[in-house]
Amino acid sequence: MNKAITIPDHLESIFRGVQRAVAAGDVGSIRKPTRNAKGDTVKWFDLAANEAVCVYLKERFPHSTVLLSEEGSPREFGTGQPEFTVVLDPVDGSDNFARGMAPVSMAVALIPRSCPISVKSVQYALVGNLVTGHIYIAERGSGASCDGKQIRAGTCNILKNAMISCEMNHFAVRAPLANVLSLAGGVRSLGCATQAITLVACGSIDAHLDMRDRLTPENFLAPSLILTEAGGTITGPKGEPIPDITDLTQRFSIIASGSPELHAVLVQQLKDDTVCT
C-alpha cells in the first residue's frame, strides 16, 4: 500500500522545487528586478523561487490556500473556501545568495484560515537550507526534525558560555546590546534570520537576537514553530509575546533562545535597550 502523502511531504517537495529553480540560474523568463512592498530589491532568484511555489500550490497541493509572500500581492490557489494561509519567504539571505555566500534559506509556514496570522497559530513549518539542502520541519504538537531526525534546542543557561547570533545590518549597536555581545562566549552575524532561528532549534547556537525593529513576519513565522517544538523560546525584546500580524510589512525585534534560563538572562540584560537604526 502506498504511503499517504502528508502536508510535511508536500512542503519538502515545494522546497526541492525551489532548490531546482534557483540552481538553474535561468533568468530568461523572469522579469527585471523590482522592489517589493517593504522597499527591498526583488532579484531574479527571489522571483524564480516564488514562481516555483506558486506552480506547486496551483498544480499539486491538495488544499486550497491563500499565499502571502514578500514578493507579491496575496494569491489564492485551489477551489472552494481556502483552508490555509501560506506565509512564504522564498529566498531569505538573498544578499548572501547574490554574493555566493551562505546561509540562504527558504521558509514556509501554514496557518489555518480560521486563525489569526501569529506565531501561536502556525500549524506546519519548513525551513530549507538552499546551500546544504538540510530541511527543518515541524508540525504543532509533534516536535521538530532536521532531515528526519528529531532535534532539541540547547540547554546553555550562562551568557559567558553561549554562542549567539545577532543581526547587525542597518543597525548601530547601543550599550545594553553591546554589553551582551561582549559578555557572550561567541557571536556570529549570519544575515539570514530563518536559518539563525533554526540553528537555535537544533542547538548549534544558543540564541539569536534581532533588536533592529526591522524583522518582517515571513522571516520568523516558520522557524518560530520549529524552535518552540524543539523546546526553545521566541518573544519580543522585553520577553513579551509577539503580537498577531496584519501584513508582511510589519517590523519586529525578537529574542530566540534555546533554554528558558538563557532567555530570561537576555531579556534582563536588554531591558533598557532602545532601537537605533
C-alpha atoms as a PDB file:
ATOM      1  CA  MET A   1       0.000   0.000   0.000  1.00  0.00           C
ATOM      2  CA  ASN A   2       1.324   3.423  -0.942  1.00  0.00           C
ATOM      3  CA  LYS A   3       2.149   5.731   1.954  1.00  0.00           C
ATOM      4  CA  ALA A   4      -0.217   8.702   2.195  1.00  0.00           C
ATOM      5  CA  ILE A   5       1.398  11.986   1.226  1.00  0.00           C
ATOM      6  CA  THR A   6       1.312  14.308   4.220  1.00  0.00           C
ATOM      7  CA  ILE A   7       1.475  18.087   4.363  1.00  0.00           C
ATOM      8  CA  PRO A   8       5.127  17.926   5.533  1.00  0.00           C
ATOM      9  CA  ASP A   9       5.831  15.746   2.462  1.00  0.00           C
ATOM     10  CA  HIS A  10       4.307  18.433   0.262  1.00  0.00           C
ATOM     11  CA  LEU A  11       6.367  21.133   1.970  1.00  0.00           C
ATOM     12  CA  GLU A  12       9.522  19.145   1.281  1.00  0.00           C
ATOM     13  CA  SER A  13       8.524  18.832  -2.388  1.00  0.00           C
ATOM     14  CA  ILE A  14       7.944  22.590  -2.517  1.00  0.00           C
ATOM     15  CA  PHE A  15      11.422  23.168  -1.116  1.00  0.00           C
ATOM     16  CA  ARG A  16      13.036  20.809  -3.631  1.00  0.00           C
ATOM     17  CA  GLY A  17      11.285  22.720  -6.417  1.00  0.00           C
ATOM     18  CA  VAL A  18      12.688  25.986  -5.109  1.00  0.00           C
ATOM     19  CA  GLN A  19      16.157  24.407  -4.938  1.00  0.00           C
ATOM     20  CA  ARG A  20      15.912  23.469  -8.592  1.00  0.00           C
ATOM     21  CA  ALA A  21      14.590  26.876  -9.593  1.00  0.00           C
ATOM     22  CA  VAL A  22      17.404  28.866  -8.002  1.00  0.00           C
ATOM     23  CA  ALA A  23      20.099  26.378  -9.049  1.00  0.00           C
ATOM     24  CA  ALA A  24      19.039  26.569 -12.692  1.00  0.00           C
ATOM     25  CA  GLY A  25      20.037  30.214 -12.920  1.00  0.00           C
ATOM     26  CA  ASP A  26      17.649  30.695 -15.833  1.00  0.00           C
ATOM     27  CA  VAL A  27      16.687  34.362 -15.819  1.00  0.00           C
ATOM     28  CA  GLY A  28      15.260  34.371 -19.322  1.00  0.00           C
ATOM     29  CA  SER A  29      11.614  34.082 -18.336  1.00  0.00           C
ATOM     30  CA  ILE A  30      11.903  36.231 -15.210  1.00  0.00           C
ATOM     31  CA  ARG A  31      11.096  39.926 -15.358  1.00  0.00           C
ATOM     32  CA  LYS A  32      13.674  42.507 -14.350  1.00  0.00           C
ATOM     33  CA  PRO A  33      14.231  43.099 -10.630  1.00  0.00           C
ATOM     34  CA  THR A  34      11.707  45.368  -8.935  1.00  0.00           C
ATOM     35  CA  ARG A  35      11.054  46.447  -5.351  1.00  0.00           C
ATOM     36  CA  ASN A  36       8.656  44.680  -3.025  1.00  0.00           C
ATOM     37  CA  ALA A  37       6.194  46.217  -0.553  1.00  0.00           C
ATOM     38  CA  LYS A  38       8.997  46.606   2.018  1.00  0.00           C
ATOM     39  CA  GLY A  39      11.134  48.557  -0.444  1.00  0.00           C
ATOM     40  CA  ASP A  40      13.699  45.782  -0.884  1.00  0.00           C
ATOM     41  CA  THR A  41      15.064  44.885  -4.302  1.00  0.00           C
ATOM     42  CA  VAL A  42      13.485  41.687  -5.670  1.00  0.00           C
ATOM     43  CA  LYS A  43      16.133  39.735  -7.553  1.00  0.00           C
ATOM     44  CA  TRP A  44      15.696  37.093 -10.254  1.00  0.00           C
ATOM     45  CA  PHE A  45      16.150  34.188  -7.840  1.00  0.00           C
ATOM     46  CA  ASP A  46      13.510  35.609  -5.467  1.00  0.00           C
ATOM     47  CA  LEU A  47      11.053  35.639  -8.358  1.00  0.00           C
ATOM     48  CA  ALA A  48      12.102  32.208  -9.631  1.00  0.00           C
ATOM     49  CA  ALA A  49      11.653  30.687  -6.165  1.00  0.00           C
ATOM     50  CA  ASN A  50       8.313  32.412  -5.644  1.00  0.00           C
ATOM     51  CA  GLU A  51       7.039  31.171  -9.006  1.00  0.00           C
ATOM     52  CA  ALA A  52       8.112  27.592  -8.238  1.00  0.00           C
ATOM     53  CA  VAL A  53       5.995  27.687  -5.076  1.00  0.00           C
ATOM     54  CA  CYS A  54       3.023  29.153  -6.939  1.00  0.00           C
ATOM     55  CA  VAL A  55       3.180  26.405  -9.569  1.00  0.00           C
ATOM     56  CA  TYR A  56       3.207  23.707  -6.887  1.00  0.00           C
ATOM     57  CA  LEU A  57       0.289  25.241  -4.966  1.00  0.00           C
ATOM     58  CA  LYS A  58      -1.686  25.502  -8.197  1.00  0.00           C
ATOM     59  CA  GLU A  59      -0.930  22.056  -9.638  1.00  0.00           C
ATOM     60  CA  ARG A  60      -0.128  19.669  -6.766  1.00  0.00           C
ATOM     61  CA  PHE A  61      -1.034  20.940  -3.309  1.00  0.00           C
ATOM     62  CA  PRO A  62      -4.264  19.233  -2.189  1.00  0.00           C
ATOM     63  CA  HIS A  63      -5.589  22.074  -0.014  1.00  0.00           C
ATOM     64  CA  SER A  64      -6.921  25.461  -1.078  1.00  0.00           C
ATOM     65  CA  THR A  65      -4.694  28.281   0.129  1.00  0.00           C
ATOM     66  CA  VAL A  66      -4.043  31.995   0.237  1.00  0.00           C
ATOM     67  CA  LEU A  67      -0.362  32.705  -0.380  1.00  0.00           C
ATOM     68  CA  LEU A  68       1.291  35.655   1.366  1.00  0.00           C
ATOM     69  CA  SER A  69       4.795  36.302   0.083  1.00  0.00           C
ATOM     70  CA  GLU A  70       7.127  39.263   0.288  1.00  0.00           C
ATOM     71  CA  GLU A  71       7.434  39.084  -3.494  1.00  0.00           C
ATOM     72  CA  GLY A  72       3.864  39.969  -4.426  1.00  0.00           C
ATOM     73  CA  SER A  73       0.208  40.512  -3.586  1.00  0.00           C
ATOM     74  CA  PRO A  74      -1.852  37.752  -1.904  1.00  0.00           C
ATOM     75  CA  ARG A  75      -2.833  34.948  -4.296  1.00  0.00           C
ATOM     76  CA  GLU A  76      -5.434  32.206  -3.956  1.00  0.00           C
ATOM     77  CA  PHE A  77      -4.906  28.615  -5.116  1.00  0.00           C
ATOM     78  CA  GLY A  78      -7.307  25.692  -5.227  1.00  0.00           C
ATOM     79  CA  THR A  79     -11.076  25.670  -5.226  1.00  0.00           C
ATOM     80  CA  GLY A  80     -13.593  26.436  -2.535  1.00  0.00           C
ATOM     81  CA  GLN A  81     -13.012  28.201   0.735  1.00  0.00           C
ATOM     82  CA  PRO A  82      -9.267  28.491   1.483  1.00  0.00           C
ATOM     83  CA  GLU A  83      -8.115  26.112   4.229  1.00  0.00           C
ATOM     84  CA  PHE A  84      -4.677  27.582   4.927  1.00  0.00           C
ATOM     85  CA  THR A  85      -2.772  30.826   4.795  1.00  0.00           C
ATOM     86  CA  VAL A  86       0.694  30.096   3.431  1.00  0.00           C
ATOM     87  CA  VAL A  87       3.363  32.592   4.530  1.00  0.00           C
ATOM     88  CA  LEU A  88       6.432  32.320   2.325  1.00  0.00           C
ATOM     89  CA  ASP A  89       9.952  33.679   2.338  1.00  0.00           C
ATOM     90  CA  PRO A  90      11.206  32.273  -0.981  1.00  0.00           C
ATOM     91  CA  VAL A  91      14.871  33.229  -0.511  1.00  0.00           C
ATOM     92  CA  ASP A  92      15.965  34.512   2.897  1.00  0.00           C
ATOM     93  CA  GLY A  93      19.538  35.753   2.822  1.00  0.00           C
ATOM     94  CA  SER A  94      19.217  36.990  -0.741  1.00  0.00           C
ATOM     95  CA  ASP A  95      22.195  39.341  -0.319  1.00  0.00           C
ATOM     96  CA  ASN A  96      24.225  36.295   0.731  1.00  0.00           C
ATOM     97  CA  PHE A  97      22.981  34.359  -2.290  1.00  0.00           C
ATOM     98  CA  ALA A  98      23.815  37.198  -4.691  1.00  0.00           C
ATOM     99  CA  ARG A  99      27.418  37.171  -3.426  1.00  0.00           C
ATOM    100  CA  GLY A 100      27.827  33.403  -3.393  1.00  0.00           C
ATOM    101  CA  MET A 101      27.750  33.225   0.414  1.00  0.00           C
ATOM    102  CA  ALA A 102      25.890  31.111   2.940  1.00  0.00           C
ATOM    103  CA  PRO A 103      23.498  30.784   4.655  1.00  0.00           C
ATOM    104  CA  VAL A 104      20.479  31.068   2.364  1.00  0.00           C
ATOM    105  CA  SER A 105      17.112  29.506   3.167  1.00  0.00           C
ATOM    106  CA  MET A 106      13.522  29.119   2.055  1.00  0.00           C
ATOM    107  CA  ALA A 107      10.834  29.299   4.742  1.00  0.00           C
ATOM    108  CA  VAL A 108       7.146  28.426   4.579  1.00  0.00           C
ATOM    109  CA  ALA A 109       4.522  28.461   7.334  1.00  0.00           C
ATOM    110  CA  LEU A 110       0.970  27.097   7.102  1.00  0.00           C
ATOM    111  CA  ILE A 111      -1.726  28.660   9.278  1.00  0.00           C
ATOM    112  CA  PRO A 112      -5.381  27.549   9.334  1.00  0.00           C
ATOM    113  CA  ARG A 113      -7.548  30.227   7.749  1.00  0.00           C
ATOM    114  CA  SER A 114      -9.747  30.292  10.850  1.00  0.00           C
ATOM    115  CA  CYS A 115      -6.786  31.519  12.915  1.00  0.00           C
ATOM    116  CA  PRO A 116      -5.006  34.883  13.038  1.00  0.00           C
ATOM    117  CA  ILE A 117      -1.564  35.133  11.499  1.00  0.00           C
ATOM    118  CA  SER A 118       0.578  34.601  14.561  1.00  0.00           C
ATOM    119  CA  VAL A 119       3.479  32.558  15.888  1.00  0.00           C
ATOM    120  CA  LYS A 120       0.865  30.809  18.066  1.00  0.00           C
ATOM    121  CA  SER A 121      -1.171  29.754  15.013  1.00  0.00           C
ATOM    122  CA  VAL A 122       1.434  28.172  12.726  1.00  0.00           C
ATOM    123  CA  GLN A 123       0.404  24.535  12.223  1.00  0.00           C
ATOM    124  CA  TYR A 124       3.150  23.345   9.851  1.00  0.00           C
ATOM    125  CA  ALA A 125       6.529  24.850   9.047  1.00  0.00           C
ATOM    126  CA  LEU A 126       9.558  24.168   6.897  1.00  0.00           C
ATOM    127  CA  VAL A 127      12.898  25.951   6.660  1.00  0.00           C
ATOM    128  CA  GLY A 128      15.173  24.559   3.972  1.00  0.00           C
ATOM    129  CA  ASN A 129      18.844  25.458   3.592  1.00  0.00           C
ATOM    130  CA  LEU A 130      19.328  26.256  -0.095  1.00  0.00           C
ATOM    131  CA  VAL A 131      23.099  25.700   0.155  1.00  0.00           C
ATOM    132  CA  THR A 132      23.339  22.412   2.085  1.00  0.00           C
ATOM    133  CA  GLY A 133      19.863  21.020   1.363  1.00  0.00           C
ATOM    134  CA  HIS A 134      19.133  20.432   5.063  1.00  0.00           C
ATOM    135  CA  ILE A 135      15.406  20.501   5.821  1.00  0.00           C
ATOM    136  CA  TYR A 136      13.922  21.541   9.153  1.00  0.00           C
ATOM    137  CA  ILE A 137      10.251  20.624   9.583  1.00  0.00           C
ATOM    138  CA  ALA A 138       7.749  20.965  12.413  1.00  0.00           C
ATOM    139  CA  GLU A 139       4.098  20.158  12.984  1.00  0.00           C
ATOM    140  CA  ARG A 140       2.460  21.703  16.025  1.00  0.00           C
ATOM    141  CA  GLY A 141       2.378  19.203  18.873  1.00  0.00           C
ATOM    142  CA  SER A 142       4.616  16.701  17.057  1.00  0.00           C
ATOM    143  CA  GLY A 143       8.120  18.035  17.628  1.00  0.00           C
ATOM    144  CA  ALA A 144      10.700  19.274  15.130  1.00  0.00           C
ATOM    145  CA  SER A 145      13.191  17.470  12.924  1.00  0.00           C
ATOM    146  CA  CYS A 146      16.156  18.061  10.649  1.00  0.00           C
ATOM    147  CA  ASP A 147      16.385  15.663   7.720  1.00  0.00           C
ATOM    148  CA  GLY A 148      14.031  13.310   9.537  1.00  0.00           C
ATOM    149  CA  LYS A 149      15.922  13.264  12.847  1.00  0.00           C
ATOM    150  CA  GLN A 150      14.337  14.795  15.940  1.00  0.00           C
ATOM    151  CA  ILE A 151      16.055  17.961  17.165  1.00  0.00           C
ATOM    152  CA  ARG A 152      16.188  19.697  20.532  1.00  0.00           C
ATOM    153  CA  ALA A 153      17.314  23.192  21.422  1.00  0.00           C
ATOM    154  CA  GLY A 154      20.394  23.600  23.575  1.00  0.00           C
ATOM    155  CA  THR A 155      20.477  23.893  27.358  1.00  0.00           C
ATOM    156  CA  CYS A 156      23.145  26.577  27.816  1.00  0.00           C
ATOM    157  CA  ASN A 157      21.974  28.955  30.549  1.00  0.00           C
ATOM    158  CA  ILE A 158      25.054  31.108  31.155  1.00  0.00           C
ATOM    159  CA  LEU A 159      25.786  34.028  28.838  1.00  0.00           C
ATOM    160  CA  LYS A 160      29.577  33.673  29.043  1.00  0.00           C
ATOM    161  CA  ASN A 161      29.240  30.124  27.679  1.00  0.00           C
ATOM    162  CA  ALA A 162      26.690  30.980  24.992  1.00  0.00           C
ATOM    163  CA  MET A 163      27.230  31.147  21.269  1.00  0.00           C
ATOM    164  CA  ILE A 164      24.751  33.718  19.994  1.00  0.00           C
ATOM    165  CA  SER A 165      23.927  35.275  16.664  1.00  0.00           C
ATOM    166  CA  CYS A 166      22.953  38.897  16.288  1.00  0.00           C
ATOM    167  CA  GLU A 167      21.698  40.677  13.183  1.00  0.00           C
ATOM    168  CA  MET A 168      23.744  43.826  12.538  1.00  0.00           C
ATOM    169  CA  ASN A 169      22.588  45.021   9.125  1.00  0.00           C
ATOM    170  CA  HIS A 170      21.466  48.685   9.029  1.00  0.00           C
ATOM    171  CA  PHE A 171      21.966  48.983  12.767  1.00  0.00           C
ATOM    172  CA  ALA A 172      24.040  50.930  15.276  1.00  0.00           C
ATOM    173  CA  VAL A 173      24.606  48.819  18.389  1.00  0.00           C
ATOM    174  CA  ARG A 174      23.863  50.623  21.656  1.00  0.00           C
ATOM    175  CA  ALA A 175      25.083  49.979  25.182  1.00  0.00           C
ATOM    176  CA  PRO A 176      22.899  47.122  26.554  1.00  0.00           C
ATOM    177  CA  LEU A 177      23.235  45.032  23.396  1.00  0.00           C
ATOM    178  CA  ALA A 178      26.938  45.855  23.096  1.00  0.00           C
ATOM    179  CA  ASN A 179      27.355  44.608  26.658  1.00  0.00           C
ATOM    180  CA  VAL A 180      25.591  41.329  25.827  1.00  0.00           C
ATOM    181  CA  LEU A 181      27.827  40.813  22.807  1.00  0.00           C
ATOM    182  CA  SER A 182      30.948  41.479  24.867  1.00  0.00           C
ATOM    183  CA  LEU A 183      29.874  39.006  27.562  1.00  0.00           C
ATOM    184  CA  ALA A 184      28.799  36.163  25.270  1.00  0.00           C
ATOM    185  CA  GLY A 185      31.038  33.198  24.679  1.00  0.00           C
ATOM    186  CA  GLY A 186      30.877  33.788  20.915  1.00  0.00           C
ATOM    187  CA  VAL A 187      28.983  35.977  18.444  1.00  0.00           C
ATOM    188  CA  ARG A 188      28.016  35.437  14.809  1.00  0.00           C
ATOM    189  CA  SER A 189      26.025  37.515  12.318  1.00  0.00           C
ATOM    190  CA  LEU A 190      24.500  35.347   9.594  1.00  0.00           C
ATOM    191  CA  GLY A 191      22.282  37.690   7.563  1.00  0.00           C
ATOM    192  CA  CYS A 192      19.568  35.019   7.387  1.00  0.00           C
ATOM    193  CA  ALA A 193      17.030  35.022  10.221  1.00  0.00           C
ATOM    194  CA  THR A 194      15.252  31.829   9.180  1.00  0.00           C
ATOM    195  CA  GLN A 195      18.498  29.875   9.344  1.00  0.00           C
ATOM    196  CA  ALA A 196      19.689  31.550  12.540  1.00  0.00           C
ATOM    197  CA  ILE A 197      16.500  30.628  14.418  1.00  0.00           C
ATOM    198  CA  THR A 198      16.604  27.017  13.199  1.00  0.00           C
ATOM    199  CA  LEU A 199      20.220  26.790  14.354  1.00  0.00           C
ATOM    200  CA  VAL A 200      18.945  27.730  17.812  1.00  0.00           C
ATOM    201  CA  ALA A 201      16.318  24.987  17.442  1.00  0.00           C
ATOM    202  CA  CYS A 202      18.951  22.315  16.834  1.00  0.00           C
ATOM    203  CA  GLY A 203      21.391  23.589  19.448  1.00  0.00           C
ATOM    204  CA  SER A 204      24.131  24.768  17.092  1.00  0.00           C
ATOM    205  CA  ILE A 205      23.802  28.250  18.562  1.00  0.00           C
ATOM    206  CA  ASP A 206      22.214  29.171  21.878  1.00  0.00           C
ATOM    207  CA  ALA A 207      20.304  32.347  20.997  1.00  0.00           C
ATOM    208  CA  HIS A 208      19.520  34.717  18.145  1.00  0.00           C
ATOM    209  CA  LEU A 209      18.974  38.441  18.690  1.00  0.00           C
ATOM    210  CA  ASP A 210      17.449  40.940  16.296  1.00  0.00           C
ATOM    211  CA  MET A 211      16.953  44.261  18.079  1.00  0.00           C
ATOM    212  CA  ARG A 212      16.671  46.461  14.987  1.00  0.00           C
ATOM    213  CA  ASP A 213      12.862  46.691  14.829  1.00  0.00           C
ATOM    214  CA  ARG A 214      13.211  45.703  11.147  1.00  0.00           C
ATOM    215  CA  LEU A 215      12.414  41.964  11.005  1.00  0.00           C
ATOM    216  CA  THR A 216       9.302  41.087   8.995  1.00  0.00           C
ATOM    217  CA  PRO A 217       6.932  38.136   9.689  1.00  0.00           C
ATOM    218  CA  GLU A 218       7.937  35.825   6.846  1.00  0.00           C
ATOM    219  CA  ASN A 219      11.424  35.730   8.419  1.00  0.00           C
ATOM    220  CA  PHE A 220      10.293  34.273  11.747  1.00  0.00           C
ATOM    221  CA  LEU A 221       6.871  32.591  11.452  1.00  0.00           C
ATOM    222  CA  ALA A 222       8.106  29.246  10.116  1.00  0.00           C
ATOM    223  CA  PRO A 223      11.267  28.974  12.243  1.00  0.00           C
ATOM    224  CA  SER A 224       9.339  30.046  15.355  1.00  0.00           C
ATOM    225  CA  LEU A 225       7.321  26.814  15.249  1.00  0.00           C
ATOM    226  CA  ILE A 226      10.453  24.746  14.636  1.00  0.00           C
ATOM    227  CA  LEU A 227      12.126  26.424  17.604  1.00  0.00           C
ATOM    228  CA  THR A 228       9.240  26.071  20.038  1.00  0.00           C
ATOM    229  CA  GLU A 229       8.600  22.453  19.022  1.00  0.00           C
ATOM    230  CA  ALA A 230      12.299  21.813  19.749  1.00  0.00           C
ATOM    231  CA  GLY A 231      11.888  23.260  23.253  1.00  0.00           C
ATOM    232  CA  GLY A 232      13.082  26.819  22.623  1.00  0.00           C
ATOM    233  CA  THR A 233      11.505  30.214  23.162  1.00  0.00           C
ATOM    234  CA  ILE A 234      10.850  33.238  20.948  1.00  0.00           C
ATOM    235  CA  THR A 235       9.493  36.562  22.204  1.00  0.00           C
ATOM    236  CA  GLY A 236       9.704  40.281  21.709  1.00  0.00           C
ATOM    237  CA  PRO A 237      12.703  42.143  23.172  1.00  0.00           C
ATOM    238  CA  LYS A 238      11.113  42.585  26.614  1.00  0.00           C
ATOM    239  CA  GLY A 239      10.037  38.967  26.858  1.00  0.00           C
ATOM    240  CA  GLU A 240       6.533  39.795  25.663  1.00  0.00           C
ATOM    241  CA  PRO A 241       4.554  37.567  23.243  1.00  0.00           C
ATOM    242  CA  ILE A 242       4.920  38.525  19.593  1.00  0.00           C
ATOM    243  CA  PRO A 243       1.583  40.115  18.610  1.00  0.00           C
ATOM    244  CA  ASP A 244      -0.738  38.978  15.835  1.00  0.00           C
ATOM    245  CA  ILE A 245       0.252  40.088  12.351  1.00  0.00           C
ATOM    246  CA  THR A 246      -1.825  42.135   9.936  1.00  0.00           C
ATOM    247  CA  ASP A 247       0.559  42.176   6.954  1.00  0.00           C
ATOM    248  CA  LEU A 248       4.102  41.311   5.939  1.00  0.00           C
ATOM    249  CA  THR A 249       5.340  44.901   6.097  1.00  0.00           C
ATOM    250  CA  GLN A 250       5.159  44.981   9.911  1.00  0.00           C
ATOM    251  CA  ARG A 251       8.527  45.227  11.641  1.00  0.00           C
ATOM    252  CA  PHE A 252       9.640  43.445  14.806  1.00  0.00           C
ATOM    253  CA  SER A 253      12.513  42.842  17.186  1.00  0.00           C
ATOM    254  CA  ILE A 254      12.928  39.347  18.628  1.00  0.00           C
ATOM    255  CA  ILE A 255      14.878  37.218  21.057  1.00  0.00           C
ATOM    256  CA  ALA A 256      15.039  33.494  20.260  1.00  0.00           C
ATOM    257  CA  SER A 257      16.726  31.203  22.786  1.00  0.00           C
ATOM    258  CA  GLY A 258      17.312  27.532  23.358  1.00  0.00           C
ATOM    259  CA  SER A 259      16.883  27.489  27.130  1.00  0.00           C
ATOM    260  CA  PRO A 260      14.360  29.467  29.223  1.00  0.00           C
ATOM    261  CA  GLU A 261      17.130  30.409  31.655  1.00  0.00           C
ATOM    262  CA  LEU A 262      19.280  31.990  28.949  1.00  0.00           C
ATOM    263  CA  HIS A 263      16.216  33.703  27.531  1.00  0.00           C
ATOM    264  CA  ALA A 264      15.494  35.289  30.918  1.00  0.00           C
ATOM    265  CA  VAL A 265      19.114  36.460  31.196  1.00  0.00           C
ATOM    266  CA  LEU A 266      18.987  38.069  27.747  1.00  0.00           C
ATOM    267  CA  VAL A 267      15.673  39.815  28.419  1.00  0.00           C
ATOM    268  CA  GLN A 268      17.078  41.200  31.672  1.00  0.00           C
ATOM    269  CA  GLN A 269      20.314  42.359  30.032  1.00  0.00           C
ATOM    270  CA  LEU A 270      18.482  44.026  27.143  1.00  0.00           C
ATOM    271  CA  LYS A 271      15.574  45.575  29.034  1.00  0.00           C
ATOM    272  CA  ASP A 272      16.984  49.106  28.778  1.00  0.00           C
ATOM    273  CA  ASP A 273      17.929  48.809  25.119  1.00  0.00           C
ATOM    274  CA  THR A 274      16.328  51.140  22.601  1.00  0.00           C
ATOM    275  CA  VAL A 275      16.230  50.798  18.844  1.00  0.00           C
ATOM    276  CA  CYS A 276      18.758  52.841  16.898  1.00  0.00           C
ATOM    277  CA  THR A 277      18.875  52.386  13.130  1.00  0.00           C
END
